Amino acid sequence: MEEQEIKKLTDFFFVEHRGEVYRFLVESLEKPLLERILAYTRGNQLEAARVLGINRNTLRTKLKKLGIRHD
């Protein structure tokens, strides 16, 4: 990555989203990550939780909060 590209990313995250960087990144990445892990584990929530390194109940809570179907 070139220095100019890194500066643009830095400006975007730390200037435009100052005070909201963590929330912005989590909201941007969490749902697609969980959907991808569930696809990878063919919907097996226990295996998905193991891959992520979180408790199965934590995963279920996140799925419900994000409106991800987990049939």
Protein backbone atom coordinates (compact mmCIF):
# COMPACT_ATOMS: atom_id res chain seq x y z
CA MET A 1 0.00 0.00 0.00
CA GLU A 2 1.38 3.38 -0.93
CA GLU A 3 1.89 6.12 1.62
CA GLN A 4 -0.85 8.28 0.04
CA GLU A 5 -3.39 5.44 0.30
CA ILE A 6 -2.49 4.87 3.94
CA LYS A 7 -2.97 8.60 4.63
CA LYS A 8 -6.43 8.50 3.00
CA LEU A 9 -7.42 5.53 5.18
CA THR A 10 -6.07 7.23 8.27
CA ASP A 11 -7.95 10.43 7.48
CA PHE A 12 -11.15 8.52 6.82
CA PHE A 13 -11.09 6.52 10.05
CA PHE A 14 -9.50 8.92 12.47
CA VAL A 15 -10.76 12.26 11.20
CA GLU A 16 -14.17 11.60 9.69
CA HIS A 17 -15.13 9.03 12.34
CA ARG A 18 -13.33 10.47 15.35
CA GLY A 19 -14.80 9.03 18.54
CA GLU A 20 -16.69 6.39 16.55
CA VAL A 21 -13.87 4.33 15.02
CA TYR A 22 -14.50 1.19 17.07
CA ARG A 23 -18.26 1.23 16.56
CA PHE A 24 -17.93 2.08 12.87
CA LEU A 25 -15.54 -0.81 12.23
CA VAL A 26 -17.56 -3.33 14.25
CA GLU A 27 -20.80 -2.34 12.54
CA SER A 28 -19.14 -2.50 9.12
CA LEU A 29 -17.45 -5.86 9.59
CA GLU A 30 -19.40 -7.91 12.13
CA LYS A 31 -22.46 -8.88 10.08
CA PRO A 32 -20.57 -9.95 6.93
CA LEU A 33 -18.04 -11.81 9.08
CA LEU A 34 -20.73 -13.74 10.94
CA GLU A 35 -22.58 -14.54 7.72
CA ARG A 36 -19.37 -15.81 6.13
CA ILE A 37 -18.44 -17.94 9.15
CA LEU A 38 -21.93 -19.46 9.23
CA ALA A 39 -21.65 -20.28 5.53
CA TYR A 40 -18.22 -21.81 6.15
CA THR A 41 -19.58 -23.97 8.98
CA ARG A 42 -22.78 -24.75 7.03
CA GLY A 43 -24.89 -23.10 9.71
CA ASN A 44 -23.30 -24.98 12.61
CA GLN A 45 -23.39 -22.34 15.33
CA LEU A 46 -21.23 -24.26 17.77
CA GLU A 47 -18.49 -24.66 15.17
CA ALA A 48 -18.87 -21.01 14.11
CA ALA A 49 -18.46 -19.91 17.73
CA ARG A 50 -15.34 -22.07 18.03
CA VAL A 51 -13.86 -20.58 14.86
CA LEU A 52 -14.54 -17.07 16.18
CA GLY A 53 -13.32 -17.88 19.69
CA ILE A 54 -16.56 -16.79 21.34
CA ASN A 55 -19.27 -18.50 23.37
CA ARG A 56 -22.17 -20.01 21.41
CA ASN A 57 -24.65 -17.92 23.39
CA THR A 58 -22.69 -14.78 22.52
CA LEU A 59 -22.89 -15.77 18.86
CA ARG A 60 -26.65 -16.34 19.11
CA THR A 61 -27.12 -12.93 20.74
CA LYS A 62 -25.14 -11.26 17.95
CA LEU A 63 -27.09 -13.13 15.25
CA LYS A 64 -30.38 -12.01 16.77
CA LYS A 65 -29.20 -8.40 17.17
CA LEU A 66 -27.99 -8.24 13.57
CA GLY A 67 -31.07 -9.98 12.14
CA ILE A 68 -29.09 -12.90 10.74
CA ARG A 69 -31.20 -15.99 10.18
CA HIS A 70 -29.56 -19.03 11.66
CA ASP A 71 -31.91 -21.86 10.74
